[in-house]
N, C-alpha and C. Protein backbone atom coordinates (compact mmCIF):
# COMPACT_ATOMS: atom_id res chain seq x y z
N UNK A 1 1.67 -16.62 -11.31
CA UNK A 1 1.34 -16.14 -10.18
C UNK A 1 2.13 -15.48 -9.20
N UNK A 2 1.23 -14.24 -8.64
CA UNK A 2 1.90 -12.67 -8.46
C UNK A 2 2.26 -12.88 -6.88
N UNK A 3 3.74 -12.52 -6.20
CA UNK A 3 4.12 -12.76 -5.05
C UNK A 3 4.32 -11.25 -4.39
N UNK A 4 3.82 -10.98 -3.07
CA UNK A 4 3.63 -9.86 -2.43
C UNK A 4 4.33 -10.17 -1.21
N UNK A 5 5.42 -9.43 -0.71
CA UNK A 5 6.15 -9.93 0.20
C UNK A 5 6.47 -11.30 0.18
N UNK A 6 6.87 -12.19 -0.98
CA UNK A 6 7.09 -13.48 -0.66
C UNK A 6 6.21 -14.25 -0.42
N UNK A 7 4.85 -14.06 -0.43
CA UNK A 7 3.63 -14.55 -0.30
C UNK A 7 3.06 -14.71 -1.61
N UNK A 8 2.08 -15.76 -2.30
CA UNK A 8 1.61 -15.78 -3.43
C UNK A 8 0.29 -14.89 -3.12
N UNK A 9 -0.03 -14.34 -4.11
CA UNK A 9 -0.83 -13.11 -4.38
C UNK A 9 -2.22 -13.26 -4.98
N UNK A 10 -1.91 -14.81 -5.11
CA UNK A 10 -3.40 -15.45 -5.92
C UNK A 10 -3.04 -14.81 -7.62
N UNK A 11 -4.03 -15.69 -8.57
CA UNK A 11 -3.87 -15.24 -10.05
C UNK A 11 -4.17 -13.65 -10.10
N UNK A 12 -3.68 -13.26 -11.18
CA UNK A 12 -3.88 -12.03 -11.29
C UNK A 12 -3.95 -11.76 -12.86
N UNK A 13 -4.58 -11.31 -13.83
CA UNK A 13 -4.91 -11.20 -15.31
C UNK A 13 -3.17 -10.77 -15.73
N UNK A 14 -3.28 -11.32 -16.86
CA UNK A 14 -2.20 -11.15 -17.60
C UNK A 14 -1.89 -9.60 -17.56
N UNK A 15 -0.41 -9.00 -17.40
CA UNK A 15 -0.02 -8.11 -17.57
C UNK A 15 -0.09 -7.02 -16.34
N UNK A 16 -0.97 -7.29 -15.41
CA UNK A 16 -1.10 -6.78 -14.20
C UNK A 16 -0.08 -6.59 -13.11
N UNK A 17 0.60 -5.43 -13.17
CA UNK A 17 1.48 -5.22 -11.95
C UNK A 17 0.91 -4.82 -10.30
N UNK A 18 1.77 -5.43 -9.54
CA UNK A 18 1.24 -4.78 -8.12
C UNK A 18 1.85 -3.45 -8.01
N UNK A 19 1.10 -2.47 -7.76
CA UNK A 19 1.73 -1.00 -7.37
C UNK A 19 2.10 -1.17 -5.63
N UNK A 20 1.39 -1.55 -5.03
CA UNK A 20 0.84 -1.55 -3.45
C UNK A 20 -0.08 -2.21 -2.85
N UNK A 21 0.48 -2.39 -1.58
CA UNK A 21 -0.34 -3.65 -0.98
C UNK A 21 -0.36 -3.48 0.49
N UNK A 22 -1.28 -3.90 1.04
CA UNK A 22 -1.45 -3.88 2.61
C UNK A 22 -1.55 -5.17 2.90
N UNK A 23 -0.72 -5.66 3.89
CA UNK A 23 -0.74 -6.96 4.27
C UNK A 23 -1.22 -7.12 5.71
N UNK A 24 -2.41 -8.12 5.98
CA UNK A 24 -2.24 -8.49 7.08
C UNK A 24 -1.97 -10.00 7.82
N UNK A 25 -1.18 -10.14 8.72
CA UNK A 25 -0.69 -11.49 9.06
C UNK A 25 -1.52 -12.07 10.54
N UNK A 26 -1.47 -13.25 10.25
CA UNK A 26 -1.96 -13.53 12.01
C UNK A 26 -0.97 -14.58 11.89
N UNK A 27 -0.60 -14.25 13.16
CA UNK A 27 0.82 -15.22 13.44
C UNK A 27 0.69 -16.03 14.93
N UNK A 28 2.01 -16.46 15.43
CA UNK A 28 1.84 -16.95 16.70
C UNK A 28 3.19 -16.65 17.32
N UNK A 29 3.53 -15.95 18.12
CA UNK A 29 4.33 -15.91 18.73
C UNK A 29 5.44 -16.84 19.22
N UNK A 30 6.49 -16.42 19.80
CA UNK A 30 7.50 -17.95 20.09
C UNK A 30 7.07 -18.34 21.59
N UNK A 31 6.55 -17.66 22.44
CA UNK A 31 5.45 -18.00 23.49
C UNK A 31 3.83 -18.44 23.41
N UNK A 32 3.92 -18.86 22.06
CA UNK A 32 2.64 -19.29 22.18
C UNK A 32 1.32 -18.24 21.80
N UNK A 33 1.98 -17.26 22.16
CA UNK A 33 0.65 -16.47 22.01
C UNK A 33 0.41 -15.85 20.48
N UNK A 34 -1.18 -15.51 20.14
CA UNK A 34 -1.20 -15.30 18.94
C UNK A 34 -0.71 -13.93 18.53
N UNK A 35 -0.83 -13.08 17.46
CA UNK A 35 -0.19 -12.10 17.48
C UNK A 35 -0.86 -11.93 16.06
N UNK A 36 -1.24 -10.36 15.11
CA UNK A 36 -1.42 -9.88 14.11
C UNK A 36 -0.23 -8.42 13.74
N UNK A 37 0.02 -8.68 12.79
CA UNK A 37 0.75 -7.97 11.97
C UNK A 37 0.34 -7.64 10.65
N UNK A 38 0.65 -6.11 10.67
CA UNK A 38 0.12 -5.19 9.55
C UNK A 38 1.27 -4.70 8.81
N UNK A 39 1.35 -4.53 7.81
CA UNK A 39 2.49 -4.24 6.88
C UNK A 39 2.21 -3.79 5.52
N UNK A 40 2.59 -2.55 4.95
CA UNK A 40 1.71 -1.81 4.10
C UNK A 40 3.28 -1.46 2.93
N UNK A 41 3.18 -1.44 1.96
CA UNK A 41 4.35 -0.88 0.79
C UNK A 41 5.11 0.28 1.34
N UNK A 42 6.31 0.19 0.80
CA UNK A 42 7.29 1.24 1.19
C UNK A 42 6.48 2.60 0.41
N UNK A 43 6.19 3.78 1.04
CA UNK A 43 5.94 4.74 0.11
C UNK A 43 4.29 5.18 0.49
N UNK A 44 3.74 3.81 0.77
CA UNK A 44 2.50 4.06 0.43
C UNK A 44 1.75 5.06 2.07
N UNK A 45 0.85 5.96 1.24
CA UNK A 45 0.39 6.80 2.71
C UNK A 45 -0.95 5.77 3.30
N UNK A 46 -0.65 6.59 4.67
CA UNK A 46 -1.50 5.97 5.39
C UNK A 46 -2.63 5.96 5.27
N UNK A 47 -3.33 6.53 4.66
CA UNK A 47 -4.74 7.16 3.82
C UNK A 47 -4.87 6.66 3.02
N UNK A 48 -4.21 6.03 1.86
CA UNK A 48 -4.40 5.05 1.09
C UNK A 48 -4.90 3.49 1.81
N UNK A 49 -3.29 3.40 2.80
CA UNK A 49 -3.89 2.04 3.21
C UNK A 49 -5.38 1.71 4.03
N UNK A 50 -5.54 2.83 4.52
CA UNK A 50 -7.17 2.76 4.92
C UNK A 50 -7.91 2.41 3.87
N UNK A 51 -7.93 3.39 2.75
CA UNK A 51 -8.68 3.26 1.58
C UNK A 51 -8.68 1.91 1.12
N UNK A 52 -7.57 0.98 1.20
CA UNK A 52 -7.33 -0.25 0.41
C UNK A 52 -7.96 -1.29 1.59
N UNK A 53 -7.99 -1.24 2.77
CA UNK A 53 -8.39 -2.13 3.98
C UNK A 53 -9.72 -2.02 3.86
N UNK A 54 -10.65 -0.81 3.73
CA UNK A 54 -11.99 -0.63 3.69
C UNK A 54 -12.60 -1.03 2.93
N UNK A 55 -11.66 -1.16 1.43
CA UNK A 55 -12.31 -1.56 0.39
C UNK A 55 -12.53 -3.13 0.55
N UNK A 56 -11.34 -3.95 0.66
CA UNK A 56 -11.30 -5.16 1.12
C UNK A 56 -12.30 -5.41 2.17
N UNK A 57 -12.21 -4.95 3.20
CA UNK A 57 -13.30 -5.39 4.34
C UNK A 57 -14.73 -4.85 3.97
N UNK A 58 -14.95 -4.36 3.68
CA UNK A 58 -16.56 -3.99 2.69
C UNK A 58 -16.73 -5.13 1.04
N UNK A 59 -15.90 -5.49 1.14
CA UNK A 59 -15.45 -7.04 -0.12
C UNK A 59 -16.09 -8.57 0.62
N UNK A 60 -14.96 -8.40 1.71
CA UNK A 60 -15.41 -9.17 2.58
C UNK A 60 -16.75 -9.65 3.05
N UNK A 61 -17.38 -8.32 3.80
CA UNK A 61 -18.90 -8.18 4.32
C UNK A 61 -19.72 -8.38 3.36
N UNK A 62 -19.44 -8.34 2.22
CA UNK A 62 -20.59 -8.78 1.27
C UNK A 62 -20.83 -9.83 0.73
N UNK A 63 -19.53 -10.75 0.89
CA UNK A 63 -18.56 -12.01 0.14
C UNK A 63 -19.90 -12.47 1.41
N UNK A 64 -19.51 -12.03 2.63
CA UNK A 64 -20.16 -13.02 3.76
C UNK A 64 -21.55 -13.10 3.80
N UNK A 65 -21.86 -12.12 3.68
CA UNK A 65 -23.76 -11.93 3.42
C UNK A 65 -24.50 -12.66 2.35
N UNK A 66 -23.79 -12.62 1.38
CA UNK A 66 -24.24 -13.45 0.16
C UNK A 66 -24.22 -15.01 0.63
N UNK A 67 -23.52 -15.15 1.39
CA UNK A 67 -24.08 -16.84 1.94
C UNK A 67 -25.35 -17.05 2.61
N UNK A 68 -25.86 -15.95 2.95
CA UNK A 68 -27.26 -15.50 3.80
C UNK A 68 -28.15 -15.47 3.11
N UNK A 69 -27.71 -14.96 1.78
CA UNK A 69 -29.23 -14.70 1.18
C UNK A 69 -29.77 -15.69 0.27
N UNK A 70 -30.51 -16.07 0.94
CA UNK A 70 -31.48 -17.54 0.16
C UNK A 70 -32.01 -17.33 -1.23
N UNK A 71 -31.49 -18.25 -2.22
CA UNK A 71 -31.92 -17.61 -3.51
C UNK A 71 -33.33 -18.08 -4.08
N UNK A 72 -34.08 -17.67 -4.74
CA UNK A 72 -35.40 -17.59 -4.88
C UNK A 72 -36.09 -18.44 -4.85
N UNK A 73 -35.44 -20.05 -5.49
CA UNK A 73 -36.30 -21.18 -5.46
C UNK A 73 -36.46 -21.57 -3.88
N UNK A 74 -35.41 -21.36 -3.25
CA UNK A 74 -35.77 -21.70 -1.92
C UNK A 74 -36.15 -21.04 -0.64
N UNK A 75 -36.96 -19.52 -1.26
CA UNK A 75 -37.54 -18.93 -0.20
C UNK A 75 -38.61 -19.46 -0.24
N UNK A 76 -39.23 -19.74 1.04
CA UNK A 76 -40.41 -19.92 1.29
C UNK A 76 -41.17 -18.76 1.66
N UNK A 77 -42.76 -18.87 1.23
CA UNK A 77 -43.55 -17.69 1.83
C UNK A 77 -43.85 -18.08 2.91
N UNK A 78 -43.86 -17.25 3.99
CA UNK A 78 -44.37 -16.92 5.43
C UNK A 78 -45.99 -16.18 5.27
N UNK A 79 -46.58 -17.06 5.86
CA UNK A 79 -48.34 -16.53 5.89
C UNK A 79 -47.87 -15.55 7.32
N UNK A 80 -48.65 -14.08 6.98
CA UNK A 80 -48.31 -13.46 8.42
C UNK A 80 -49.66 -13.68 9.02
N UNK A 81 -49.54 -13.98 10.65
CA UNK A 81 -50.65 -14.46 11.41
C UNK A 81 -51.57 -13.40 11.36
């Protein structure tokens, strides 16, 4: 299992080496307030970080939408009035 900034990055195929990353952390401040922290690899250009997060957003959105697409066999035909 690969580690990025000390965090498990899940299983990656054998031989894959992490080149750069963007990490978004949901955290709790000492006073109990929620916080978001964003970190990127040293040397990773802001434009490349934007590209990585855009790809991630598109992938997450596609995965979420698939949850709402009915299977063909579950679809019911609706008659038009």
